[in-house]
């Protein structure tokens, strides 16, 4: 396999994160000079290798934009509703959480959001010994989606409050314009 094919494959897998020059040099193996030559000579009709900041990315050309847009427009929305996000945050911060725990905190029935989260694979049922109620926990897929290595990386209550204050401040600035 050619080095440029390895670089292309690694950048494809890296997606929006991209890879640093050091990562590419370490995994290909290639020298810095060879890497620059390979990327400079990269010539695919619908792909580009671009550098933004310290990272390299595999990007599609403008010619591909209309085709990509069609596929993305056909895809059903993967956004979560406000209710689903509320339930997800309750589970993330209080796991394992029962349906009753969730409904006590929200004040409303949560069957729909729980079903949505289960179907999307961001939460899972966990049976607790000597208890009949299902308990819900977040999955590894949840961590992956939110770019977390562990639940310990979730923002604290103080960090959330500070972010909300900043958001309110900037929203008020926008309204003044």
Protein backbone atom coordinates (compact mmCIF):
# COMPACT_ATOMS: atom_id res chain seq x y z
CA UNK A 1 0.00 0.00 0.00
CA UNK A 2 1.30 3.45 -0.90
CA UNK A 3 2.02 5.92 1.90
CA UNK A 4 -0.49 8.44 0.53
CA UNK A 5 -3.19 5.75 0.63
CA UNK A 6 -2.40 5.12 4.30
CA UNK A 7 -2.50 8.87 5.01
CA UNK A 8 -5.83 9.16 3.19
CA UNK A 9 -7.30 6.22 5.14
CA UNK A 10 -6.14 7.57 8.49
CA UNK A 11 -7.52 11.04 7.74
CA UNK A 12 -10.81 9.48 6.60
CA UNK A 13 -11.15 7.61 9.90
CA UNK A 14 -10.11 10.69 11.91
CA UNK A 15 -13.03 12.64 10.42
CA UNK A 16 -13.69 16.08 11.89
CA UNK A 17 -10.94 15.62 14.47
CA UNK A 18 -8.19 15.37 11.91
CA UNK A 19 -4.65 14.25 12.71
CA UNK A 20 -1.55 16.19 13.61
CA UNK A 21 1.65 16.00 11.62
CA UNK A 22 3.23 14.10 14.52
CA UNK A 23 0.43 11.50 14.51
CA UNK A 24 0.77 10.96 10.78
CA UNK A 25 4.56 10.65 10.99
CA UNK A 26 4.27 8.20 13.87
CA UNK A 27 1.67 5.96 12.22
CA UNK A 28 2.57 5.96 8.53
CA UNK A 29 5.89 5.86 9.03
CA UNK A 30 7.13 8.79 7.03
CA UNK A 31 9.46 11.75 7.52
CA UNK A 32 8.18 15.30 7.75
CA UNK A 33 9.66 16.10 4.33
CA UNK A 34 8.11 13.00 2.73
CA UNK A 35 4.74 13.84 4.31
CA UNK A 36 4.81 17.34 2.84
CA UNK A 37 5.72 15.93 -0.59
CA UNK A 38 2.97 13.26 -0.46
CA UNK A 39 0.33 15.79 0.59
CA UNK A 40 1.56 18.29 -2.01
CA UNK A 41 1.23 15.66 -4.72
CA UNK A 42 -2.16 14.35 -3.52
CA UNK A 43 -4.44 14.46 -6.54
CA UNK A 44 -7.92 13.02 -6.27
CA UNK A 45 -10.73 14.56 -8.25
CA UNK A 46 -13.16 14.86 -5.32
CA UNK A 47 -10.93 14.91 -2.24
CA UNK A 48 -8.36 17.31 -0.79
CA UNK A 49 -5.97 17.03 2.12
CA UNK A 50 -6.00 20.35 3.93
CA UNK A 51 -4.20 21.65 6.98
CA UNK A 52 -6.10 23.78 9.49
CA UNK A 53 -4.07 24.85 12.50
CA UNK A 54 -2.01 21.87 13.63
CA UNK A 55 -4.25 19.22 12.07
CA UNK A 56 -4.64 17.69 8.64
CA UNK A 57 -8.10 16.81 7.32
CA UNK A 58 -9.51 14.89 4.38
CA UNK A 59 -12.09 17.13 2.73
CA UNK A 60 -14.39 16.88 -0.24
CA UNK A 61 -14.21 19.39 -3.08
CA UNK A 62 -16.89 21.98 -3.84
CA UNK A 63 -17.97 19.82 -6.81
CA UNK A 64 -19.12 17.15 -4.34
CA UNK A 65 -21.15 19.59 -2.25
CA UNK A 66 -24.46 19.18 -4.10
CA UNK A 67 -24.30 15.37 -3.87
CA UNK A 68 -23.39 15.40 -0.19
CA UNK A 69 -26.17 17.90 0.53
CA UNK A 70 -28.72 15.58 -1.12
CA UNK A 71 -27.69 12.67 1.09
CA UNK A 72 -27.72 14.79 4.23
CA UNK A 73 -31.14 16.22 3.36
CA UNK A 74 -32.53 12.70 2.87
CA UNK A 75 -31.24 11.53 6.23
CA UNK A 76 -33.77 11.65 9.05
CA UNK A 77 -32.92 14.14 11.74
CA UNK A 78 -30.71 12.70 14.44
CA UNK A 79 -31.23 15.67 16.71
CA UNK A 80 -32.64 15.01 20.15
CA UNK A 81 -35.69 16.85 21.42
CA UNK A 82 -35.45 19.07 24.48
CA UNK A 83 -37.25 16.39 26.49
CA UNK A 84 -34.77 13.71 25.35
CA UNK A 85 -31.83 15.95 26.25
CA UNK A 86 -33.31 16.55 29.70
CA UNK A 87 -33.76 12.82 30.27
CA UNK A 88 -30.26 12.10 28.97
CA UNK A 89 -28.71 14.63 31.33
CA UNK A 90 -30.66 13.22 34.29
CA UNK A 91 -29.42 9.73 33.48
CA UNK A 92 -25.85 10.89 32.85
CA UNK A 93 -25.59 12.69 36.18
CA UNK A 94 -27.66 10.26 38.29
CA UNK A 95 -27.01 6.81 36.84
CA UNK A 96 -28.23 4.25 37.33
CA UNK A 97 -31.60 6.05 37.24
CA UNK A 98 -35.05 4.49 37.20
CA UNK A 99 -37.94 5.80 35.14
CA UNK A 100 -39.48 6.96 38.44
CA UNK A 101 -36.29 8.91 39.31
CA UNK A 102 -36.41 10.61 35.92
CA UNK A 103 -40.10 11.49 36.18
CA UNK A 104 -39.71 12.83 39.72
CA UNK A 105 -36.96 15.20 38.55
CA UNK A 106 -38.74 16.27 35.36
CA UNK A 107 -42.27 16.32 36.77
CA UNK A 108 -43.72 14.67 33.65
CA UNK A 109 -43.92 11.21 32.10
CA UNK A 110 -40.78 10.33 30.18
CA UNK A 111 -41.67 7.16 28.26
CA UNK A 112 -41.17 8.78 24.84
CA UNK A 113 -37.75 10.32 25.50
CA UNK A 114 -36.51 7.14 27.22
CA UNK A 115 -37.61 5.07 24.20
CA UNK A 116 -35.90 7.51 21.82
CA UNK A 117 -32.64 7.38 23.79
CA UNK A 118 -32.75 3.57 23.95
CA UNK A 119 -33.37 3.31 20.21
CA UNK A 120 -30.46 5.67 19.45
CA UNK A 121 -28.19 3.59 21.70
CA UNK A 122 -27.09 6.40 24.01
CA UNK A 123 -28.62 4.75 27.07
CA UNK A 124 -29.15 1.12 28.05
CA UNK A 125 -31.20 -0.78 30.60
CA UNK A 126 -29.35 -2.20 33.55
CA UNK A 127 -30.91 -4.73 35.89
CA UNK A 128 -30.08 -4.16 39.53
CA UNK A 129 -30.02 -7.14 41.85
CA UNK A 130 -33.16 -7.51 43.98
CA UNK A 131 -34.99 -4.70 42.17
CA UNK A 132 -37.81 -5.02 39.66
CA UNK A 133 -37.51 -1.59 38.09
CA UNK A 134 -35.30 -1.06 35.07
CA UNK A 135 -32.39 1.24 35.68
CA UNK A 136 -30.87 3.31 32.88
CA UNK A 137 -27.22 4.10 32.29
CA UNK A 138 -25.36 5.88 29.52
CA UNK A 139 -23.45 3.80 26.98
CA UNK A 140 -19.99 4.02 25.45
CA UNK A 141 -21.75 5.43 22.38
CA UNK A 142 -22.92 8.36 24.58
CA UNK A 143 -19.30 9.02 25.56
CA UNK A 144 -18.22 8.82 21.92
CA UNK A 145 -20.90 11.24 20.69
CA UNK A 146 -20.05 13.81 23.33
CA UNK A 147 -16.28 13.33 22.97
CA UNK A 148 -15.76 12.08 26.51
CA UNK A 149 -13.33 9.46 27.77
CA UNK A 150 -15.36 8.91 30.95
CA UNK A 151 -18.30 10.34 32.87
CA UNK A 152 -15.83 12.19 35.09
CA UNK A 153 -15.35 14.62 32.20
CA UNK A 154 -18.97 15.81 32.35
CA UNK A 155 -19.14 19.48 33.33
CA UNK A 156 -19.83 20.21 36.99
CA UNK A 157 -22.89 22.14 38.18
CA UNK A 158 -20.68 25.21 38.65
CA UNK A 159 -19.32 24.99 35.10
CA UNK A 160 -22.84 24.66 33.74
CA UNK A 161 -24.03 27.70 35.73
CA UNK A 162 -21.07 29.75 34.50
CA UNK A 163 -21.77 28.76 30.88
CA UNK A 164 -25.45 29.67 31.27
CA UNK A 165 -24.47 33.10 32.60
CA UNK A 166 -22.14 33.65 29.64
CA UNK A 167 -24.84 32.52 27.21
CA UNK A 168 -27.36 34.94 28.74
CA UNK A 169 -24.81 37.76 28.53
CA UNK A 170 -24.04 37.13 24.85
CA UNK A 171 -27.75 36.64 24.04
CA UNK A 172 -28.48 40.05 25.54
CA UNK A 173 -25.73 41.58 23.39
CA UNK A 174 -27.27 39.99 20.28
CA UNK A 175 -30.70 41.37 21.17
CA UNK A 176 -29.26 44.90 21.44
CA UNK A 177 -28.01 44.78 17.83
